[in-house]
N, C-alpha and C. Protein backbone atom coordinates (compact mmCIF):
# COMPACT_ATOMS: atom_id res chain seq x y z
N UNK A 1 -65.97 9.60 -33.32
CA UNK A 1 -66.75 10.10 -33.70
C UNK A 1 -67.32 11.78 -33.77
N UNK A 2 -67.48 12.24 -32.41
CA UNK A 2 -67.69 13.56 -31.90
C UNK A 2 -66.35 14.14 -32.51
N UNK A 3 -66.07 13.72 -32.14
CA UNK A 3 -64.51 14.92 -33.15
C UNK A 3 -64.81 15.09 -34.57
N UNK A 4 -65.11 13.72 -35.19
CA UNK A 4 -64.76 14.78 -36.77
C UNK A 4 -66.29 15.32 -37.16
N UNK A 5 -67.04 15.16 -36.11
CA UNK A 5 -68.15 16.01 -36.43
C UNK A 5 -68.00 17.53 -35.75
N UNK A 6 -67.36 17.47 -34.74
CA UNK A 6 -67.35 19.01 -34.29
C UNK A 6 -66.08 19.64 -35.26
N UNK A 7 -65.09 18.87 -35.79
CA UNK A 7 -64.11 19.62 -37.16
C UNK A 7 -64.76 19.71 -38.04
N UNK A 8 -65.99 19.07 -38.50
CA UNK A 8 -66.39 19.41 -39.82
C UNK A 8 -67.49 20.50 -39.56
N UNK A 9 -68.25 20.59 -38.60
CA UNK A 9 -68.56 22.01 -38.23
C UNK A 9 -68.16 23.10 -38.07
N UNK A 10 -66.95 22.53 -37.80
CA UNK A 10 -65.87 24.45 -37.02
C UNK A 10 -65.31 24.45 -38.46
N UNK A 11 -65.19 23.74 -39.14
CA UNK A 11 -64.47 24.30 -40.69
C UNK A 11 -65.04 25.46 -41.48
N UNK A 12 -64.08 26.32 -41.21
CA UNK A 12 -64.42 27.89 -41.98
C UNK A 12 -63.34 28.15 -43.11
N UNK A 13 -63.58 28.19 -44.39
CA UNK A 13 -62.43 28.67 -45.44
C UNK A 13 -63.21 29.77 -46.30
N UNK A 14 -62.49 30.07 -47.05
CA UNK A 14 -62.77 31.67 -48.29
C UNK A 14 -64.10 31.13 -48.61
N UNK A 15 -64.99 31.71 -49.48
CA UNK A 15 -66.18 30.62 -49.88
C UNK A 15 -65.76 30.54 -51.47
N UNK A 16 -64.97 31.75 -51.73
CA UNK A 16 -64.59 30.81 -53.32
C UNK A 16 -63.83 29.40 -53.46
N UNK A 17 -63.36 28.92 -52.23
CA UNK A 17 -62.71 27.84 -51.89
C UNK A 17 -63.84 26.79 -51.70
N UNK A 18 -64.65 26.52 -51.24
CA UNK A 18 -65.75 26.41 -50.24
C UNK A 18 -67.00 26.19 -51.20
N UNK A 19 -66.88 26.93 -52.46
CA UNK A 19 -68.01 26.64 -53.36
C UNK A 19 -67.01 26.30 -54.55
N UNK A 20 -66.21 26.15 -55.10
CA UNK A 20 -65.36 25.33 -55.72
C UNK A 20 -65.48 23.57 -55.33
N UNK A 21 -64.86 23.86 -54.04
CA UNK A 21 -65.18 22.14 -53.52
C UNK A 21 -66.37 21.48 -53.38
N UNK A 22 -67.27 22.29 -53.16
CA UNK A 22 -68.74 21.74 -53.19
C UNK A 22 -69.10 21.15 -54.70
N UNK A 23 -68.57 21.84 -55.43
CA UNK A 23 -68.77 21.83 -57.01
C UNK A 23 -68.00 20.60 -57.45
N UNK A 24 -67.03 20.68 -56.60
CA UNK A 24 -66.11 19.58 -56.94
C UNK A 24 -66.52 18.11 -56.71
N UNK A 25 -67.39 18.13 -55.51
CA UNK A 25 -67.82 16.92 -55.09
C UNK A 25 -68.98 16.46 -55.89
N UNK A 26 -69.75 16.95 -56.31
CA UNK A 26 -71.11 16.62 -57.25
C UNK A 26 -70.31 15.65 -58.08
N UNK A 27 -69.04 15.93 -58.68
CA UNK A 27 -68.34 14.69 -59.48
C UNK A 27 -67.17 13.27 -59.11
N UNK A 28 -67.51 13.48 -57.65
CA UNK A 28 -66.37 12.81 -56.64
C UNK A 28 -66.13 11.63 -56.87
N UNK A 29 -65.47 11.14 -57.37
CA UNK A 29 -65.06 9.52 -57.33
C UNK A 29 -64.23 8.94 -56.41
N UNK A 30 -64.76 8.03 -55.03
CA UNK A 30 -63.82 7.69 -53.99
C UNK A 30 -62.66 6.95 -54.46
N UNK A 31 -62.55 6.35 -55.98
CA UNK A 31 -61.65 5.01 -56.33
C UNK A 31 -60.29 6.12 -57.04
N UNK A 32 -61.27 6.99 -57.25
CA UNK A 32 -59.65 8.36 -58.42
C UNK A 32 -59.77 9.02 -57.40
N UNK A 33 -60.48 10.02 -56.76
CA UNK A 33 -60.18 11.42 -55.92
C UNK A 33 -59.15 10.72 -54.87
N UNK A 34 -59.65 10.11 -54.08
CA UNK A 34 -59.46 9.65 -52.77
C UNK A 34 -57.69 8.66 -52.55
N UNK A 35 -58.03 7.94 -53.62
CA UNK A 35 -56.63 7.62 -54.07
C UNK A 35 -55.82 8.38 -54.14
N UNK A 36 -56.09 9.30 -55.03
CA UNK A 36 -55.07 10.67 -55.06
C UNK A 36 -54.63 11.28 -54.01
N UNK A 37 -55.47 11.58 -53.37
CA UNK A 37 -55.41 12.42 -52.60
C UNK A 37 -54.47 11.78 -51.38
N UNK A 38 -54.79 10.72 -50.59
CA UNK A 38 -54.29 9.74 -49.48
C UNK A 38 -53.17 8.61 -50.48
N UNK A 39 -53.05 8.26 -51.60
CA UNK A 39 -51.96 7.56 -51.78
C UNK A 39 -53.19 6.21 -52.24
N UNK A 40 -52.56 5.74 -53.29
CA UNK A 40 -52.65 4.10 -53.88
C UNK A 40 -52.78 3.53 -52.65
N UNK A 41 -53.33 2.34 -53.12
CA UNK A 41 -53.28 1.42 -52.06
C UNK A 41 -54.78 0.96 -52.04
N UNK A 42 -54.83 0.17 -50.65
CA UNK A 42 -56.03 0.46 -50.47
C UNK A 42 -57.24 1.23 -49.81
N UNK A 43 -58.38 1.43 -50.06
CA UNK A 43 -59.44 2.43 -49.43
C UNK A 43 -59.42 2.66 -48.44
N UNK A 44 -59.54 3.55 -47.22
CA UNK A 44 -59.91 3.55 -46.21
C UNK A 44 -61.52 3.82 -46.36
N UNK A 45 -62.14 3.08 -44.96
CA UNK A 45 -63.23 3.97 -44.72
C UNK A 45 -63.21 5.29 -44.73
N UNK A 46 -64.31 5.66 -44.67
CA UNK A 46 -65.45 6.86 -44.54
C UNK A 46 -64.84 7.57 -43.42
N UNK A 47 -64.71 7.03 -42.02
CA UNK A 47 -64.89 7.52 -40.94
C UNK A 47 -63.03 7.54 -40.19
N UNK A 48 -62.32 6.43 -41.55
CA UNK A 48 -60.61 6.17 -41.50
C UNK A 48 -60.47 7.65 -42.11
N UNK A 49 -61.01 7.72 -43.30
CA UNK A 49 -60.19 8.64 -43.83
C UNK A 49 -60.47 9.93 -44.03
N UNK A 50 -61.73 10.42 -43.11
CA UNK A 50 -62.37 12.17 -42.65
C UNK A 50 -60.78 12.51 -41.86
N UNK A 51 -60.33 11.89 -40.67
CA UNK A 51 -59.34 12.42 -39.92
C UNK A 51 -58.50 12.75 -40.94
N UNK A 52 -57.58 12.01 -41.72
CA UNK A 52 -56.37 12.38 -42.30
C UNK A 52 -56.70 13.43 -43.63
N UNK A 53 -58.13 13.35 -43.94
CA UNK A 53 -58.28 14.52 -44.97
C UNK A 53 -58.01 16.29 -44.31
N UNK A 54 -58.73 16.12 -42.96
CA UNK A 54 -58.95 17.35 -41.98
C UNK A 54 -57.82 17.54 -41.84
N UNK A 55 -56.80 16.53 -41.20
CA UNK A 55 -55.10 17.29 -41.27
C UNK A 55 -54.63 17.65 -42.12
N UNK A 56 -54.58 16.71 -43.16
CA UNK A 56 -53.99 17.58 -44.33
C UNK A 56 -54.24 18.91 -44.80
N UNK A 57 -56.07 19.29 -44.79
CA UNK A 57 -56.20 20.34 -45.09
C UNK A 57 -56.43 21.48 -44.35
N UNK A 58 -55.88 21.19 -43.21
CA UNK A 58 -55.47 21.73 -41.94
C UNK A 58 -54.25 22.78 -42.29
N UNK A 59 -53.35 21.65 -42.69
CA UNK A 59 -52.07 22.44 -42.82
C UNK A 59 -51.71 22.65 -44.30
N UNK A 60 -52.68 22.68 -44.97
CA UNK A 60 -53.27 23.74 -46.66
C UNK A 60 -53.52 24.74 -46.25
N UNK A 61 -54.49 25.28 -45.42
CA UNK A 61 -54.79 26.21 -44.98
C UNK A 61 -53.97 26.75 -43.72
N UNK A 62 -52.83 25.87 -43.33
CA UNK A 62 -51.98 27.08 -42.49
C UNK A 62 -50.96 27.76 -43.83
N UNK A 63 -50.62 26.83 -44.60
CA UNK A 63 -49.71 26.90 -45.32
C UNK A 63 -50.33 28.74 -46.10
N UNK A 64 -51.84 28.56 -46.73
CA UNK A 64 -52.56 29.65 -47.22
C UNK A 64 -52.25 30.78 -46.51
N UNK A 65 -52.96 30.56 -44.82
CA UNK A 65 -53.05 31.41 -44.19
C UNK A 65 -51.55 32.24 -44.39
N UNK A 66 -50.28 31.72 -44.31
CA UNK A 66 -49.35 32.22 -44.32
C UNK A 66 -48.79 32.27 -45.63
N UNK A 67 -49.29 32.68 -46.37
CA UNK A 67 -48.30 33.15 -47.92
C UNK A 67 -47.40 32.01 -48.33
N UNK A 68 -47.27 31.14 -47.55
CA UNK A 68 -46.52 30.01 -47.97
C UNK A 68 -46.32 29.71 -49.62
N UNK A 69 -44.59 29.77 -49.85
CA UNK A 69 -44.27 30.31 -50.86
C UNK A 69 -44.80 28.47 -51.89
N UNK A 70 -44.80 27.57 -51.39
CA UNK A 70 -44.99 26.29 -51.78
C UNK A 70 -46.09 25.92 -51.60
N UNK A 71 -47.07 26.56 -50.94
CA UNK A 71 -48.39 26.29 -51.20
C UNK A 71 -49.47 26.28 -52.21
N UNK A 72 -50.05 25.18 -52.58
CA UNK A 72 -50.55 24.83 -53.58
C UNK A 72 -52.16 24.60 -53.93
N UNK A 73 -52.75 25.99 -54.44
CA UNK A 73 -54.20 26.06 -54.33
C UNK A 73 -55.14 24.94 -54.93
N UNK A 74 -54.59 24.14 -56.10
CA UNK A 74 -54.93 23.16 -56.66
C UNK A 74 -54.92 21.77 -55.64
N UNK A 75 -54.07 21.32 -54.74
CA UNK A 75 -53.61 20.42 -54.09
C UNK A 75 -54.66 20.65 -52.60
N UNK A 76 -54.65 22.16 -52.43
CA UNK A 76 -55.68 22.19 -51.27
C UNK A 76 -57.14 21.89 -51.61
N UNK A 77 -57.39 22.36 -52.97
CA UNK A 77 -58.97 22.21 -53.60
C UNK A 77 -59.41 20.73 -53.90
N UNK A 78 -58.12 20.21 -54.04
CA UNK A 78 -58.41 18.35 -54.20
C UNK A 78 -58.59 17.90 -53.19
N UNK A 79 -58.03 17.96 -51.87
CA UNK A 79 -57.68 18.04 -50.15
C UNK A 79 -59.74 18.08 -49.96
N UNK A 80 -59.94 19.64 -50.36
CA UNK A 80 -61.63 20.15 -49.85
C UNK A 80 -62.52 19.19 -50.31
N UNK A 81 -62.05 19.11 -51.40
CA UNK A 81 -63.12 18.10 -52.27
C UNK A 81 -62.73 16.92 -51.80
N UNK A 82 -62.62 16.54 -51.81
CA UNK A 82 -62.24 15.02 -50.92
C UNK A 82 -63.24 14.89 -49.74
N UNK A 83 -62.56 15.92 -48.96
CA UNK A 83 -63.14 16.33 -47.70
C UNK A 83 -64.69 16.54 -47.36
N UNK A 84 -65.31 17.22 -48.35
CA UNK A 84 -66.36 17.74 -48.96
C UNK A 84 -66.90 16.56 -49.37
N UNK A 85 -66.89 15.58 -49.93
CA UNK A 85 -67.62 14.49 -50.46
C UNK A 85 -67.38 13.55 -49.46
N UNK A 86 -66.53 12.87 -48.52
CA UNK A 86 -66.47 12.18 -47.46
C UNK A 86 -67.44 12.19 -46.59
N UNK A 87 -67.47 13.88 -46.38
CA UNK A 87 -68.20 14.33 -45.29
C UNK A 87 -70.06 14.20 -45.19
N UNK A 88 -69.88 14.46 -46.62
CA UNK A 88 -71.27 14.05 -47.22
C UNK A 88 -71.60 12.45 -47.05
N UNK A 89 -70.99 11.46 -47.26
CA UNK A 89 -70.99 9.90 -46.73
C UNK A 89 -71.22 9.56 -45.64
N UNK A 90 -69.59 10.21 -45.19
CA UNK A 90 -70.27 10.15 -43.50
C UNK A 90 -71.69 10.45 -42.94
N UNK A 91 -71.79 12.01 -42.86
CA UNK A 91 -73.51 12.13 -42.45
C UNK A 91 -74.31 11.08 -42.92
N UNK A 92 -74.62 10.99 -44.51
CA UNK A 92 -74.77 9.72 -44.95
C UNK A 92 -75.33 8.47 -44.24
N UNK A 93 -74.10 7.92 -43.53
CA UNK A 93 -74.04 6.83 -43.42
C UNK A 93 -74.25 6.15 -41.44
N UNK A 94 -73.79 7.77 -40.84
CA UNK A 94 -73.56 7.45 -39.75
C UNK A 94 -75.44 7.64 -39.10
N UNK A 95 -75.61 6.41 -37.96
CA UNK A 95 -76.81 6.45 -37.88
C UNK A 95 -77.18 7.78 -36.75
N UNK A 96 -78.48 7.74 -36.85
CA UNK A 96 -79.36 9.22 -36.18
C UNK A 96 -79.74 8.90 -35.34
N UNK A 97 -79.08 9.10 -34.08
CA UNK A 97 -79.33 8.77 -32.81
C UNK A 97 -80.75 9.87 -31.94
N UNK A 98 -81.50 8.94 -31.52
CA UNK A 98 -82.92 9.74 -30.86
C UNK A 98 -82.51 10.35 -30.10
N UNK A 99 -83.55 11.46 -30.51
CA UNK A 99 -83.41 12.88 -28.75
C UNK A 99 -84.77 12.43 -28.51
């Protein structure tokens, strides 16, 4: 779990992409969006989906940064929207540890 939290906290992307993902997350539907991004079938739990989304997003970010010809900004945004929304769900469901 801590690995997911660290990866989320260290995620840095261009502000336009970040703002677009945050706006898209407002109308996020797990059933429709997550299935489109991860593939159809049984929906994984948020804690299972997040590492997959983060891996996918990392690959897309590498393509973007390298100006890869096959890079899809639309796909990257779809994955980021799902990542932002699932992270919000994860943070809501995650028990708060006593300090």
